[in-house]
Amino acid sequence: GAIESVKAASDLIAPASGEVIEVNEALA
């Protein structure tokens, strides 16, 4: 995924492999 700020956008890099079982909906 990616994270964007008022200054920059940055890719999110997975530190480990696996299946996504939940996303933090509050961040949307």
mmCIF file of all heavy atoms, coordinates in Angstrom:
data_MODEL
# 
_entry.id   MODEL 
# 
loop_
_atom_site.group_PDB 
_atom_site.id 
_atom_site.type_symbol 
_atom_site.label_atom_id 
_atom_site.label_alt_id 
_atom_site.label_comp_id 
_atom_site.label_asym_id 
_atom_site.label_entity_id 
_atom_site.label_seq_id 
_atom_site.pdbx_PDB_ins_code 
_atom_site.Cartn_x 
_atom_site.Cartn_y 
_atom_site.Cartn_z 
_atom_site.occupancy 
_atom_site.B_iso_or_equiv 
_atom_site.pdbx_formal_charge 
_atom_site.auth_seq_id 
_atom_site.auth_comp_id 
_atom_site.auth_asym_id 
_atom_site.auth_atom_id 
_atom_site.pdbx_PDB_model_num 
ATOM 1   N N   . GLY A 1 1  ? 0.848   -1.184  0.000  1.00 0.00 ? 1  GLY A N   1 
ATOM 2   C CA  . GLY A 1 1  ? 0.000   0.000   0.000  1.00 0.00 ? 1  GLY A CA  1 
ATOM 3   C C   . GLY A 1 1  ? 0.882   1.231   0.000  1.00 0.00 ? 1  GLY A C   1 
ATOM 4   O O   . GLY A 1 1  ? 2.071   1.157   -0.315 1.00 0.00 ? 1  GLY A O   1 
ATOM 5   N N   . ALA A 1 2  ? 0.290   2.357   0.363  1.00 0.00 ? 2  ALA A N   1 
ATOM 6   C CA  . ALA A 1 2  ? 1.040   3.612   0.405  1.00 0.00 ? 2  ALA A CA  1 
ATOM 7   C C   . ALA A 1 2  ? 0.475   4.504   1.490  1.00 0.00 ? 2  ALA A C   1 
ATOM 8   O O   . ALA A 1 2  ? -0.671  4.326   1.917  1.00 0.00 ? 2  ALA A O   1 
ATOM 9   C CB  . ALA A 1 2  ? 0.967   4.312   -0.947 1.00 0.00 ? 2  ALA A CB  1 
ATOM 10  N N   . ILE A 1 3  ? 1.290   5.428   1.921  1.00 0.00 ? 3  ILE A N   1 
ATOM 11  C CA  . ILE A 1 3  ? 0.844   6.413   2.902  1.00 0.00 ? 3  ILE A CA  1 
ATOM 12  C C   . ILE A 1 3  ? 1.228   7.777   2.361  1.00 0.00 ? 3  ILE A C   1 
ATOM 13  O O   . ILE A 1 3  ? 2.329   7.947   1.822  1.00 0.00 ? 3  ILE A O   1 
ATOM 14  C CB  . ILE A 1 3  ? 1.444   6.112   4.299  1.00 0.00 ? 3  ILE A CB  1 
ATOM 15  C CG1 . ILE A 1 3  ? 0.804   6.984   5.366  1.00 0.00 ? 3  ILE A CG1 1 
ATOM 16  C CG2 . ILE A 1 3  ? 2.964   6.214   4.303  1.00 0.00 ? 3  ILE A CG2 1 
ATOM 17  C CD1 . ILE A 1 3  ? 0.981   6.459   6.773  1.00 0.00 ? 3  ILE A CD1 1 
ATOM 18  N N   . GLU A 1 4  ? 0.292   8.720   2.444  1.00 0.00 ? 4  GLU A N   1 
ATOM 19  C CA  . GLU A 1 4  ? 0.542   10.043  1.893  1.00 0.00 ? 4  GLU A CA  1 
ATOM 20  C C   . GLU A 1 4  ? 0.415   11.081  2.982  1.00 0.00 ? 4  GLU A C   1 
ATOM 21  O O   . GLU A 1 4  ? -0.482  11.010  3.827  1.00 0.00 ? 4  GLU A O   1 
ATOM 22  C CB  . GLU A 1 4  ? -0.465  10.355  0.783  1.00 0.00 ? 4  GLU A CB  1 
ATOM 23  C CG  . GLU A 1 4  ? -0.304  9.453   -0.420 1.00 0.00 ? 4  GLU A CG  1 
ATOM 24  C CD  . GLU A 1 4  ? -1.334  9.720   -1.504 1.00 0.00 ? 4  GLU A CD  1 
ATOM 25  O OE1 . GLU A 1 4  ? -1.871  10.845  -1.568 1.00 0.00 ? 4  GLU A OE1 1 
ATOM 26  O OE2 . GLU A 1 4  ? -1.614  8.787   -2.268 1.00 0.00 ? 4  GLU A OE2 1 
ATOM 27  N N   . SER A 1 5  ? 1.320   12.056  2.925  1.00 0.00 ? 5  SER A N   1 
ATOM 28  C CA  . SER A 1 5  ? 1.252   13.188  3.843  1.00 0.00 ? 5  SER A CA  1 
ATOM 29  C C   . SER A 1 5  ? 1.186   14.454  3.009  1.00 0.00 ? 5  SER A C   1 
ATOM 30  O O   . SER A 1 5  ? 1.243   14.395  1.777  1.00 0.00 ? 5  SER A O   1 
ATOM 31  C CB  . SER A 1 5  ? 2.492   13.216  4.747  1.00 0.00 ? 5  SER A CB  1 
ATOM 32  O OG  . SER A 1 5  ? 3.630   13.600  3.998  1.00 0.00 ? 5  SER A OG  1 
ATOM 33  N N   . VAL A 1 6  ? 1.103   15.593  3.683  1.00 0.00 ? 6  VAL A N   1 
ATOM 34  C CA  . VAL A 1 6  ? 1.097   16.850  2.940  1.00 0.00 ? 6  VAL A CA  1 
ATOM 35  C C   . VAL A 1 6  ? 2.431   17.066  2.238  1.00 0.00 ? 6  VAL A C   1 
ATOM 36  O O   . VAL A 1 6  ? 2.503   17.775  1.249  1.00 0.00 ? 6  VAL A O   1 
ATOM 37  C CB  . VAL A 1 6  ? 0.757   18.052  3.866  1.00 0.00 ? 6  VAL A CB  1 
ATOM 38  C CG1 . VAL A 1 6  ? -0.687  17.986  4.303  1.00 0.00 ? 6  VAL A CG1 1 
ATOM 39  C CG2 . VAL A 1 6  ? 1.670   18.111  5.069  1.00 0.00 ? 6  VAL A CG2 1 
ATOM 40  N N   . LYS A 1 7  ? 3.508   16.398  2.705  1.00 0.00 ? 7  LYS A N   1 
ATOM 41  C CA  . LYS A 1 7  ? 4.845   16.572  2.132  1.00 0.00 ? 7  LYS A CA  1 
ATOM 42  C C   . LYS A 1 7  ? 5.217   15.524  1.099  1.00 0.00 ? 7  LYS A C   1 
ATOM 43  O O   . LYS A 1 7  ? 5.960   15.819  0.169  1.00 0.00 ? 7  LYS A O   1 
ATOM 44  C CB  . LYS A 1 7  ? 5.914   16.484  3.240  1.00 0.00 ? 7  LYS A CB  1 
ATOM 45  C CG  . LYS A 1 7  ? 5.868   17.589  4.263  1.00 0.00 ? 7  LYS A CG  1 
ATOM 46  C CD  . LYS A 1 7  ? 7.165   17.682  5.040  1.00 0.00 ? 7  LYS A CD  1 
ATOM 47  C CE  . LYS A 1 7  ? 7.442   16.471  5.901  1.00 0.00 ? 7  LYS A CE  1 
ATOM 48  N NZ  . LYS A 1 7  ? 8.430   16.701  6.948  1.00 0.00 ? 7  LYS A NZ  1 
ATOM 49  N N   . ALA A 1 8  ? 4.774   14.287  1.304  1.00 0.00 ? 8  ALA A N   1 
ATOM 50  C CA  . ALA A 1 8  ? 5.311   13.199  0.484  1.00 0.00 ? 8  ALA A CA  1 
ATOM 51  C C   . ALA A 1 8  ? 4.377   11.999  0.476  1.00 0.00 ? 8  ALA A C   1 
ATOM 52  O O   . ALA A 1 8  ? 3.479   11.889  1.310  1.00 0.00 ? 8  ALA A O   1 
ATOM 53  C CB  . ALA A 1 8  ? 6.667   12.764  1.046  1.00 0.00 ? 8  ALA A CB  1 
ATOM 54  N N   . ALA A 1 9  ? 4.626   11.110  -0.475 1.00 0.00 ? 9  ALA A N   1 
ATOM 55  C CA  . ALA A 1 9  ? 3.946   9.818   -0.487 1.00 0.00 ? 9  ALA A CA  1 
ATOM 56  C C   . ALA A 1 9  ? 5.027   8.754   -0.345 1.00 0.00 ? 9  ALA A C   1 
ATOM 57  O O   . ALA A 1 9  ? 6.137   8.921   -0.841 1.00 0.00 ? 9  ALA A O   1 
ATOM 58  C CB  . ALA A 1 9  ? 3.179   9.616   -1.778 1.00 0.00 ? 9  ALA A CB  1 
ATOM 59  N N   . SER A 1 10 ? 4.702   7.693   0.352  1.00 0.00 ? 10 SER A N   1 
ATOM 60  C CA  . SER A 1 10 ? 5.690   6.656   0.598  1.00 0.00 ? 10 SER A CA  1 
ATOM 61  C C   . SER A 1 10 ? 5.030   5.292   0.472  1.00 0.00 ? 10 SER A C   1 
ATOM 62  O O   . SER A 1 10 ? 3.910   5.096   0.950  1.00 0.00 ? 10 SER A O   1 
ATOM 63  C CB  . SER A 1 10 ? 6.247   6.850   2.012  1.00 0.00 ? 10 SER A CB  1 
ATOM 64  O OG  . SER A 1 10 ? 7.276   5.944   2.279  1.00 0.00 ? 10 SER A OG  1 
ATOM 65  N N   . ASP A 1 11 ? 5.726   4.369   -0.200 1.00 0.00 ? 11 ASP A N   1 
ATOM 66  C CA  . ASP A 1 11 ? 5.214   3.006   -0.278 1.00 0.00 ? 11 ASP A CA  1 
ATOM 67  C C   . ASP A 1 11 ? 5.303   2.353   1.089  1.00 0.00 ? 11 ASP A C   1 
ATOM 68  O O   . ASP A 1 11 ? 6.217   2.635   1.867  1.00 0.00 ? 11 ASP A O   1 
ATOM 69  C CB  . ASP A 1 11 ? 6.036   2.170   -1.269 1.00 0.00 ? 11 ASP A CB  1 
ATOM 70  C CG  . ASP A 1 11 ? 5.767   2.555   -2.710 1.00 0.00 ? 11 ASP A CG  1 
ATOM 71  O OD1 . ASP A 1 11 ? 4.678   3.083   -2.999 1.00 0.00 ? 11 ASP A OD1 1 
ATOM 72  O OD2 . ASP A 1 11 ? 6.658   2.323   -3.544 1.00 0.00 ? 11 ASP A OD2 1 
ATOM 73  N N   . LEU A 1 12 ? 4.355   1.475   1.359  1.00 0.00 ? 12 LEU A N   1 
ATOM 74  C CA  . LEU A 1 12 ? 4.387   0.654   2.571  1.00 0.00 ? 12 LEU A CA  1 
ATOM 75  C C   . LEU A 1 12 ? 4.962   -0.700  2.166  1.00 0.00 ? 12 LEU A C   1 
ATOM 76  O O   . LEU A 1 12 ? 4.471   -1.325  1.224  1.00 0.00 ? 12 LEU A O   1 
ATOM 77  C CB  . LEU A 1 12 ? 2.972   0.493   3.135  1.00 0.00 ? 12 LEU A CB  1 
ATOM 78  C CG  . LEU A 1 12 ? 2.345   1.789   3.644  1.00 0.00 ? 12 LEU A CG  1 
ATOM 79  C CD1 . LEU A 1 12 ? 0.847   1.613   3.858  1.00 0.00 ? 12 LEU A CD1 1 
ATOM 80  C CD2 . LEU A 1 12 ? 3.017   2.238   4.933  1.00 0.00 ? 12 LEU A CD2 1 
ATOM 81  N N   . ILE A 1 13 ? 6.001   -1.141  2.851  1.00 0.00 ? 13 ILE A N   1 
ATOM 82  C CA  . ILE A 1 13 ? 6.686   -2.390  2.522  1.00 0.00 ? 13 ILE A CA  1 
ATOM 83  C C   . ILE A 1 13 ? 6.354   -3.414  3.618  1.00 0.00 ? 13 ILE A C   1 
ATOM 84  O O   . ILE A 1 13 ? 6.533   -3.139  4.796  1.00 0.00 ? 13 ILE A O   1 
ATOM 85  C CB  . ILE A 1 13 ? 8.221   -2.185  2.466  1.00 0.00 ? 13 ILE A CB  1 
ATOM 86  C CG1 . ILE A 1 13 ? 8.604   -0.988  1.582  1.00 0.00 ? 13 ILE A CG1 1 
ATOM 87  C CG2 . ILE A 1 13 ? 8.917   -3.475  2.024  1.00 0.00 ? 13 ILE A CG2 1 
ATOM 88  C CD1 . ILE A 1 13 ? 8.274   -1.118  0.131  1.00 0.00 ? 13 ILE A CD1 1 
ATOM 89  N N   . ALA A 1 14 ? 5.905   -4.580  3.185  1.00 0.00 ? 14 ALA A N   1 
ATOM 90  C CA  . ALA A 1 14 ? 5.553   -5.633  4.151  1.00 0.00 ? 14 ALA A CA  1 
ATOM 91  C C   . ALA A 1 14 ? 6.814   -6.166  4.830  1.00 0.00 ? 14 ALA A C   1 
ATOM 92  O O   . ALA A 1 14 ? 7.750   -6.578  4.157  1.00 0.00 ? 14 ALA A O   1 
ATOM 93  C CB  . ALA A 1 14 ? 4.813   -6.764  3.451  1.00 0.00 ? 14 ALA A CB  1 
ATOM 94  N N   . PRO A 1 15 ? 6.844   -6.166  6.173  1.00 0.00 ? 15 PRO A N   1 
ATOM 95  C CA  . PRO A 1 15 ? 8.001   -6.713  6.876  1.00 0.00 ? 15 PRO A CA  1 
ATOM 96  C C   . PRO A 1 15 ? 8.003   -8.245  6.896  1.00 0.00 ? 15 PRO A C   1 
ATOM 97  O O   . PRO A 1 15 ? 9.024   -8.864  7.133  1.00 0.00 ? 15 PRO A O   1 
ATOM 98  C CB  . PRO A 1 15 ? 7.875   -6.142  8.289  1.00 0.00 ? 15 PRO A CB  1 
ATOM 99  C CG  . PRO A 1 15 ? 6.444   -5.766  8.437  1.00 0.00 ? 15 PRO A CG  1 
ATOM 100 C CD  . PRO A 1 15 ? 5.906   -5.501  7.070  1.00 0.00 ? 15 PRO A CD  1 
ATOM 101 N N   . ALA A 1 16 ? 6.850   -8.836  6.637  1.00 0.00 ? 16 ALA A N   1 
ATOM 102 C CA  . ALA A 1 16 ? 6.723   -10.301 6.637  1.00 0.00 ? 16 ALA A CA  1 
ATOM 103 C C   . ALA A 1 16 ? 5.597   -10.680 5.677  1.00 0.00 ? 16 ALA A C   1 
ATOM 104 O O   . ALA A 1 16 ? 4.773   -9.846  5.322  1.00 0.00 ? 16 ALA A O   1 
ATOM 105 C CB  . ALA A 1 16 ? 6.424   -10.812 8.045  1.00 0.00 ? 16 ALA A CB  1 
ATOM 106 N N   . SER A 1 17 ? 5.586   -11.937 5.276  1.00 0.00 ? 17 SER A N   1 
ATOM 107 C CA  . SER A 1 17 ? 4.572   -12.427 4.341  1.00 0.00 ? 17 SER A CA  1 
ATOM 108 C C   . SER A 1 17 ? 3.365   -12.986 5.088  1.00 0.00 ? 17 SER A C   1 
ATOM 109 O O   . SER A 1 17 ? 3.505   -13.508 6.196  1.00 0.00 ? 17 SER A O   1 
ATOM 110 C CB  . SER A 1 17 ? 5.157   -13.542 3.472  1.00 0.00 ? 17 SER A CB  1 
ATOM 111 O OG  . SER A 1 17 ? 6.292   -13.084 2.784  1.00 0.00 ? 17 SER A OG  1 
ATOM 112 N N   . GLY A 1 18 ? 2.203   -12.892 4.438  1.00 0.00 ? 18 GLY A N   1 
ATOM 113 C CA  . GLY A 1 18 ? 1.010   -13.481 5.027  1.00 0.00 ? 18 GLY A CA  1 
ATOM 114 C C   . GLY A 1 18 ? -0.254  -12.998 4.348  1.00 0.00 ? 18 GLY A C   1 
ATOM 115 O O   . GLY A 1 18 ? -0.212  -12.234 3.382  1.00 0.00 ? 18 GLY A O   1 
ATOM 116 N N   . GLU A 1 19 ? -1.373  -13.449 4.889  1.00 0.00 ? 19 GLU A N   1 
ATOM 117 C CA  . GLU A 1 19 ? -2.682  -13.057 4.369  1.00 0.00 ? 19 GLU A CA  1 
ATOM 118 C C   . GLU A 1 19 ? -3.250  -11.939 5.226  1.00 0.00 ? 19 GLU A C   1 
ATOM 119 O O   . GLU A 1 19 ? -3.203  -12.013 6.459  1.00 0.00 ? 19 GLU A O   1 
ATOM 120 C CB  . GLU A 1 19 ? -3.640  -14.248 4.401  1.00 0.00 ? 19 GLU A CB  1 
ATOM 121 C CG  . GLU A 1 19 ? -5.020  -13.882 3.874  1.00 0.00 ? 19 GLU A CG  1 
ATOM 122 C CD  . GLU A 1 19 ? -6.031  -15.021 3.987  1.00 0.00 ? 19 GLU A CD  1 
ATOM 123 O OE1 . GLU A 1 19 ? -5.611  -16.184 4.177  1.00 0.00 ? 19 GLU A OE1 1 
ATOM 124 O OE2 . GLU A 1 19 ? -7.234  -14.728 3.903  1.00 0.00 ? 19 GLU A OE2 1 
ATOM 125 N N   . VAL A 1 20 ? -3.765  -10.901 4.567  1.00 0.00 ? 20 VAL A N   1 
ATOM 126 C CA  . VAL A 1 20 ? -4.392  -9.790  5.284  1.00 0.00 ? 20 VAL A CA  1 
ATOM 127 C C   . VAL A 1 20 ? -5.700  -10.298 5.900  1.00 0.00 ? 20 VAL A C   1 
ATOM 128 O O   . VAL A 1 20 ? -6.588  -10.772 5.182  1.00 0.00 ? 20 VAL A O   1 
ATOM 129 C CB  . VAL A 1 20 ? -4.658  -8.599  4.344  1.00 0.00 ? 20 VAL A CB  1 
ATOM 130 C CG1 . VAL A 1 20 ? -5.367  -7.472  5.087  1.00 0.00 ? 20 VAL A CG1 1 
ATOM 131 C CG2 . VAL A 1 20 ? -3.362  -8.112  3.711  1.00 0.00 ? 20 VAL A CG2 1 
ATOM 132 N N   . ILE A 1 21 ? -5.790  -10.241 7.223  1.00 0.00 ? 21 ILE A N   1 
ATOM 133 C CA  . ILE A 1 21 ? -7.019  -10.694 7.890  1.00 0.00 ? 21 ILE A CA  1 
ATOM 134 C C   . ILE A 1 21 ? -7.854  -9.530  8.418  1.00 0.00 ? 21 ILE A C   1 
ATOM 135 O O   . ILE A 1 21 ? -9.011  -9.715  8.775  1.00 0.00 ? 21 ILE A O   1 
ATOM 136 C CB  . ILE A 1 21 ? -6.718  -11.728 9.018  1.00 0.00 ? 21 ILE A CB  1 
ATOM 137 C CG1 . ILE A 1 21 ? -5.700  -11.201 10.017 1.00 0.00 ? 21 ILE A CG1 1 
ATOM 138 C CG2 . ILE A 1 21 ? -6.249  -13.046 8.413  1.00 0.00 ? 21 ILE A CG2 1 
ATOM 139 C CD1 . ILE A 1 21 ? -5.452  -12.121 11.211 1.00 0.00 ? 21 ILE A CD1 1 
ATOM 140 N N   . GLU A 1 22 ? -7.255  -8.341  8.449  1.00 0.00 ? 22 GLU A N   1 
ATOM 141 C CA  . GLU A 1 22 ? -8.013  -7.159  8.860  1.00 0.00 ? 22 GLU A CA  1 
ATOM 142 C C   . GLU A 1 22 ? -7.255  -5.918  8.401  1.00 0.00 ? 22 GLU A C   1 
ATOM 143 O O   . GLU A 1 22 ? -6.024  -5.936  8.317  1.00 0.00 ? 22 GLU A O   1 
ATOM 144 C CB  . GLU A 1 22 ? -8.157  -7.141  10.393 1.00 0.00 ? 22 GLU A CB  1 
ATOM 145 C CG  . GLU A 1 22 ? -9.152  -6.134  10.917 1.00 0.00 ? 22 GLU A CG  1 
ATOM 146 C CD  . GLU A 1 22 ? -9.318  -6.208  12.441 1.00 0.00 ? 22 GLU A CD  1 
ATOM 147 O OE1 . GLU A 1 22 ? -9.055  -7.271  13.039 1.00 0.00 ? 22 GLU A OE1 1 
ATOM 148 O OE2 . GLU A 1 22 ? -9.700  -5.184  13.013 1.00 0.00 ? 22 GLU A OE2 1 
ATOM 149 N N   . VAL A 1 23 ? -7.995  -4.870  8.061  1.00 0.00 ? 23 VAL A N   1 
ATOM 150 C CA  . VAL A 1 23 ? -7.381  -3.564  7.806  1.00 0.00 ? 23 VAL A CA  1 
ATOM 151 C C   . VAL A 1 23 ? -7.941  -2.600  8.841  1.00 0.00 ? 23 VAL A C   1 
ATOM 152 O O   . VAL A 1 23 ? -9.059  -2.787  9.334  1.00 0.00 ? 23 VAL A O   1 
ATOM 153 C CB  . VAL A 1 23 ? -7.636  -3.046  6.365  1.00 0.00 ? 23 VAL A CB  1 
ATOM 154 C CG1 . VAL A 1 23 ? -6.994  -3.963  5.340  1.00 0.00 ? 23 VAL A CG1 1 
ATOM 155 C CG2 . VAL A 1 23 ? -9.100  -2.861  6.079  1.00 0.00 ? 23 VAL A CG2 1 
ATOM 156 N N   . ASN A 1 24 ? -7.166  -1.597  9.173  1.00 0.00 ? 24 ASN A N   1 
ATOM 157 C CA  . ASN A 1 24 ? -7.591  -0.631  10.187 1.00 0.00 ? 24 ASN A CA  1 
ATOM 158 C C   . ASN A 1 24 ? -8.506  0.403   9.536  1.00 0.00 ? 24 ASN A C   1 
ATOM 159 O O   . ASN A 1 24 ? -8.047  1.410   9.016  1.00 0.00 ? 24 ASN A O   1 
ATOM 160 C CB  . ASN A 1 24 ? -6.368  0.017   10.835 1.00 0.00 ? 24 ASN A CB  1 
ATOM 161 C CG  . ASN A 1 24 ? -6.737  0.864   12.033 1.00 0.00 ? 24 ASN A CG  1 
ATOM 162 O OD1 . ASN A 1 24 ? -7.896  1.206   12.237 1.00 0.00 ? 24 ASN A OD1 1 
ATOM 163 N ND2 . ASN A 1 24 ? -5.739  1.215   12.823 1.00 0.00 ? 24 ASN A ND2 1 
ATOM 164 N N   . GLU A 1 25 ? -9.808  0.102   9.564  1.00 0.00 ? 25 GLU A N   1 
ATOM 165 C CA  . GLU A 1 25 ? -10.807 0.960   8.903  1.00 0.00 ? 25 GLU A CA  1 
ATOM 166 C C   . GLU A 1 25 ? -10.809 2.380   9.459  1.00 0.00 ? 25 GLU A C   1 
ATOM 167 O O   . GLU A 1 25 ? -11.155 3.325   8.750  1.00 0.00 ? 25 GLU A O   1 
ATOM 168 C CB  . GLU A 1 25 ? -12.219 0.362   9.060  1.00 0.00 ? 25 GLU A CB  1 
ATOM 169 C CG  . GLU A 1 25 ? -12.398 -1.002  8.412  1.00 0.00 ? 25 GLU A CG  1 
ATOM 170 C CD  . GLU A 1 25 ? -12.440 -0.959  6.894  1.00 0.00 ? 25 GLU A CD  1 
ATOM 171 O OE1 . GLU A 1 25 ? -12.450 0.149   6.314  1.00 0.00 ? 25 GLU A OE1 1 
ATOM 172 O OE2 . GLU A 1 25 ? -12.441 -2.044  6.281  1.00 0.00 ? 25 GLU A OE2 1 
ATOM 173 N N   . ALA A 1 26 ? -10.425 2.561   10.712 1.00 0.00 ? 26 ALA A N   1 
ATOM 174 C CA  . ALA A 1 26 ? -10.424 3.898   11.317 1.00 0.00 ? 26 ALA A CA  1 
ATOM 175 C C   . ALA A 1 26 ? -9.511  4.844   10.543 1.00 0.00 ? 26 ALA A C   1 
ATOM 176 O O   . ALA A 1 26 ? -9.758  6.048   10.486 1.00 0.00 ? 26 ALA A O   1 
ATOM 177 C CB  . ALA A 1 26 ? -9.996  3.823   12.784 1.00 0.00 ? 26 ALA A CB  1 
ATOM 178 N N   . LEU A 1 27 ? -8.466  4.306   9.910  1.00 0.00 ? 27 LEU A N   1 
ATOM 179 C CA  . LEU A 1 27 ? -7.522  5.155   9.174  1.00 0.00 ? 27 LEU A CA  1 
ATOM 180 C C   . LEU A 1 27 ? -8.128  5.708   7.887  1.00 0.00 ? 27 LEU A C   1 
ATOM 181 O O   . LEU A 1 27 ? -7.686  6.737   7.396  1.00 0.00 ? 27 LEU A O   1 
ATOM 182 C CB  . LEU A 1 27 ? -6.243  4.381   8.847  1.00 0.00 ? 27 LEU A CB  1 
ATOM 183 C CG  . LEU A 1 27 ? -5.428  3.905   10.051 1.00 0.00 ? 27 LEU A CG  1 
ATOM 184 C CD1 . LEU A 1 27 ? -4.196  3.153   9.588  1.00 0.00 ? 27 LEU A CD1 1 
ATOM 185 C CD2 . LEU A 1 27 ? -5.045  5.054   10.963 1.00 0.00 ? 27 LEU A CD2 1 
ATOM 186 N N   . ALA A 1 28 ? -9.137  5.025   7.347  1.00 0.00 ? 28 ALA A N   1 
ATOM 187 C CA  . ALA A 1 28 ? -9.791  5.528   6.137  1.00 0.00 ? 28 ALA A CA  1 
ATOM 188 C C   . ALA A 1 28 ? -10.473 6.860   6.439  1.00 0.00 ? 28 ALA A C   1 
ATOM 189 O O   . ALA A 1 28 ? -10.423 7.795   5.636  1.00 0.00 ? 28 ALA A O   1 
ATOM 190 C CB  . ALA A 1 28 ? -10.805 4.508   5.615  1.00 0.00 ? 28 ALA A CB  1 
# 
